[in-house]
Every structure is written in structure tokens, then in C-alpha cells.
N, C-alpha and C. Protein backbone atom coordinates (compact mmCIF):
# COMPACT_ATOMS: atom_id res chain seq x y z
N MET A 1 -154.53 -77.26 110.15
CA MET A 1 -155.59 -76.43 109.63
C MET A 1 -155.47 -76.38 108.11
N LYS A 2 -156.61 -76.48 107.44
CA LYS A 2 -156.61 -76.39 105.98
C LYS A 2 -156.34 -74.95 105.55
N LYS A 3 -155.64 -74.82 104.41
CA LYS A 3 -155.38 -73.51 103.82
C LYS A 3 -155.87 -73.53 102.37
N PHE A 4 -156.37 -72.38 101.93
CA PHE A 4 -156.94 -72.29 100.60
C PHE A 4 -156.37 -71.09 99.85
N GLU A 5 -156.39 -71.18 98.54
CA GLU A 5 -156.12 -70.02 97.70
C GLU A 5 -157.37 -69.79 96.86
N TYR A 6 -157.55 -68.56 96.42
CA TYR A 6 -158.76 -68.17 95.72
C TYR A 6 -158.45 -67.57 94.36
N LEU A 7 -159.39 -67.71 93.44
CA LEU A 7 -159.25 -67.20 92.09
C LEU A 7 -160.58 -66.57 91.69
N LEU A 8 -160.54 -65.36 91.12
CA LEU A 8 -161.73 -64.71 90.59
C LEU A 8 -161.71 -64.83 89.08
N LEU A 9 -162.83 -65.25 88.51
CA LEU A 9 -162.96 -65.42 87.07
C LEU A 9 -164.13 -64.55 86.62
N ASP A 10 -163.85 -63.55 85.80
CA ASP A 10 -164.84 -62.57 85.36
C ASP A 10 -165.14 -62.80 83.89
N THR A 11 -166.42 -62.98 83.54
CA THR A 11 -166.77 -63.23 82.14
C THR A 11 -166.80 -61.96 81.30
N VAL A 12 -166.64 -60.80 81.92
CA VAL A 12 -166.70 -59.53 81.19
C VAL A 12 -165.32 -59.11 80.69
N SER A 13 -164.29 -59.41 81.44
CA SER A 13 -162.94 -58.99 81.06
C SER A 13 -161.99 -60.17 81.17
N GLY A 14 -160.79 -59.97 80.75
CA GLY A 14 -159.78 -61.01 80.87
C GLY A 14 -160.00 -62.11 79.85
N PHE A 15 -160.08 -63.35 80.32
CA PHE A 15 -160.16 -64.52 79.47
C PHE A 15 -161.41 -64.50 78.58
N PHE A 16 -162.52 -63.97 79.11
CA PHE A 16 -163.78 -63.94 78.37
C PHE A 16 -164.12 -62.50 78.01
N SER A 17 -164.93 -62.31 77.00
CA SER A 17 -165.52 -61.01 76.72
C SER A 17 -166.98 -61.25 76.40
N GLY A 18 -167.79 -61.34 77.45
CA GLY A 18 -169.17 -61.75 77.32
C GLY A 18 -169.28 -63.21 77.72
N ILE A 19 -170.48 -63.74 77.68
CA ILE A 19 -170.69 -65.11 78.15
C ILE A 19 -170.85 -66.04 76.96
N ASP A 20 -169.84 -66.84 76.70
CA ASP A 20 -169.89 -67.93 75.73
C ASP A 20 -169.93 -69.19 76.58
N TYR A 21 -171.09 -69.83 76.67
CA TYR A 21 -171.28 -70.92 77.63
C TYR A 21 -170.40 -72.13 77.35
N GLN A 22 -170.11 -72.42 76.11
CA GLN A 22 -169.21 -73.54 75.81
C GLN A 22 -167.79 -73.22 76.27
N GLU A 23 -167.35 -72.01 75.97
CA GLU A 23 -166.01 -71.59 76.40
C GLU A 23 -165.92 -71.56 77.93
N LEU A 24 -166.98 -71.08 78.57
CA LEU A 24 -167.02 -71.04 80.03
C LEU A 24 -166.96 -72.45 80.62
N THR A 25 -167.74 -73.36 80.05
CA THR A 25 -167.74 -74.75 80.50
C THR A 25 -166.36 -75.37 80.35
N ASN A 26 -165.73 -75.15 79.21
CA ASN A 26 -164.39 -75.68 78.97
C ASN A 26 -163.39 -75.14 80.00
N ARG A 27 -163.46 -73.83 80.26
CA ARG A 27 -162.54 -73.20 81.21
C ARG A 27 -162.76 -73.72 82.63
N LEU A 28 -164.02 -73.84 83.04
CA LEU A 28 -164.30 -74.35 84.38
C LEU A 28 -163.86 -75.80 84.52
N ASN A 29 -164.05 -76.61 83.48
CA ASN A 29 -163.56 -78.00 83.52
C ASN A 29 -162.05 -78.05 83.62
N GLN A 30 -161.37 -77.17 82.89
CA GLN A 30 -159.91 -77.11 82.95
C GLN A 30 -159.45 -76.75 84.36
N LEU A 31 -160.09 -75.73 84.94
CA LEU A 31 -159.72 -75.32 86.30
C LEU A 31 -160.08 -76.41 87.31
N GLY A 32 -161.20 -77.08 87.12
CA GLY A 32 -161.59 -78.18 88.01
C GLY A 32 -160.56 -79.30 88.01
N SER A 33 -159.99 -79.58 86.85
CA SER A 33 -158.96 -80.63 86.77
C SER A 33 -157.67 -80.22 87.48
N GLN A 34 -157.53 -78.91 87.75
CA GLN A 34 -156.36 -78.40 88.47
C GLN A 34 -156.66 -78.24 89.97
N GLY A 35 -157.84 -78.70 90.38
CA GLY A 35 -158.19 -78.67 91.81
C GLY A 35 -159.06 -77.49 92.23
N TRP A 36 -159.42 -76.60 91.30
CA TRP A 36 -160.26 -75.45 91.63
C TRP A 36 -161.71 -75.87 91.74
N GLU A 37 -162.43 -75.27 92.69
CA GLU A 37 -163.85 -75.54 92.91
C GLU A 37 -164.60 -74.20 92.96
N VAL A 38 -165.70 -74.10 92.22
CA VAL A 38 -166.52 -72.89 92.25
C VAL A 38 -167.25 -72.83 93.59
N VAL A 39 -167.12 -71.69 94.27
CA VAL A 39 -167.81 -71.52 95.56
C VAL A 39 -168.90 -70.47 95.50
N SER A 40 -168.86 -69.57 94.50
CA SER A 40 -169.95 -68.62 94.32
C SER A 40 -169.94 -68.04 92.92
N VAL A 41 -171.12 -67.60 92.48
CA VAL A 41 -171.28 -66.93 91.20
C VAL A 41 -172.20 -65.74 91.42
N VAL A 42 -171.78 -64.57 90.93
CA VAL A 42 -172.56 -63.34 91.09
C VAL A 42 -172.72 -62.69 89.73
N ASP A 43 -173.94 -62.24 89.41
CA ASP A 43 -174.11 -61.49 88.16
C ASP A 43 -173.58 -60.08 88.39
N THR A 44 -172.78 -59.60 87.45
CA THR A 44 -172.10 -58.32 87.62
C THR A 44 -172.71 -57.20 86.78
N ILE A 45 -173.34 -57.55 85.68
CA ILE A 45 -173.97 -56.54 84.82
C ILE A 45 -175.33 -57.10 84.41
N PHE A 46 -176.38 -56.40 84.79
CA PHE A 46 -177.73 -56.86 84.47
C PHE A 46 -178.47 -55.72 83.79
N THR A 47 -178.69 -55.85 82.48
CA THR A 47 -179.39 -54.80 81.72
C THR A 47 -180.42 -55.43 80.81
N HIS A 48 -181.49 -54.75 80.60
CA HIS A 48 -182.55 -55.19 79.69
C HIS A 48 -182.99 -56.63 79.99
N ASN A 49 -183.10 -56.95 81.30
CA ASN A 49 -183.55 -58.27 81.75
C ASN A 49 -182.63 -59.41 81.32
N MET A 50 -181.36 -59.09 81.06
CA MET A 50 -180.39 -60.12 80.69
C MET A 50 -179.10 -59.94 81.49
N VAL A 51 -178.54 -61.06 81.92
CA VAL A 51 -177.24 -61.02 82.59
C VAL A 51 -176.16 -60.86 81.53
N ARG A 52 -175.31 -59.88 81.70
CA ARG A 52 -174.23 -59.62 80.73
C ARG A 52 -172.86 -60.03 81.27
N GLY A 53 -172.77 -60.28 82.57
CA GLY A 53 -171.48 -60.65 83.15
C GLY A 53 -171.66 -61.49 84.40
N LEU A 54 -170.71 -62.37 84.63
CA LEU A 54 -170.70 -63.22 85.81
C LEU A 54 -169.32 -63.16 86.46
N LEU A 55 -169.30 -63.15 87.77
CA LEU A 55 -168.04 -63.21 88.52
C LEU A 55 -168.05 -64.49 89.33
N PHE A 56 -167.10 -65.38 89.02
CA PHE A 56 -166.98 -66.66 89.71
C PHE A 56 -165.88 -66.55 90.76
N THR A 57 -166.12 -67.07 91.93
CA THR A 57 -165.09 -67.24 92.94
C THR A 57 -164.80 -68.72 93.05
N LEU A 58 -163.52 -69.06 92.88
CA LEU A 58 -163.10 -70.45 92.98
C LEU A 58 -162.07 -70.57 94.10
N LYS A 59 -161.97 -71.77 94.68
CA LYS A 59 -160.95 -72.01 95.70
C LYS A 59 -160.37 -73.40 95.50
N ARG A 60 -159.15 -73.55 96.01
CA ARG A 60 -158.54 -74.88 96.09
C ARG A 60 -157.64 -74.92 97.30
N GLU A 61 -157.51 -76.10 97.83
CA GLU A 61 -156.68 -76.30 99.01
C GLU A 61 -155.21 -76.25 98.63
N VAL A 62 -154.41 -75.61 99.46
CA VAL A 62 -152.97 -75.59 99.25
C VAL A 62 -152.30 -76.37 100.38
N GLY A 63 -151.20 -76.99 100.06
CA GLY A 63 -150.47 -77.76 101.05
C GLY A 63 -149.77 -76.88 102.06
N GLY A 64 -149.44 -77.47 103.17
CA GLY A 64 -148.63 -76.72 104.10
C GLY A 64 -149.24 -76.54 105.39
């Protein structure tokens, strides 16, 4: 049976503070090269008709 581990990436806190699309692209490419795959994206803060935050769920297969 396949086993997976999961990672949450929040553009509001932690590595990002707001959405910088170039920085986000670079980070997702870095994680992709480590085997992570984006499985969902949810907007977390929506004000004044603009998305202010995104929450990414990533997964990768683990051995065993």
C-alpha cells in the first residue's frame, strides 16, 4: 500500500507574508524537485474582492 506525507504551505504566515507570485513559483518548484505535489489550494483571506492568502496542501509518497 502506498503511504504519503503531507505539507501545508500558507502564503499569509511562515515562509511568505502575502502573495509574491515569483517567490511562490520558486518555492513550489523547489518543493516539486523534492517530490512534493500540490493537491489543493484554498483562498484563506478574501477582502475587497481580492485574495490575500492561499493555503496549499502538498503530498509526496514515502517509502516503506
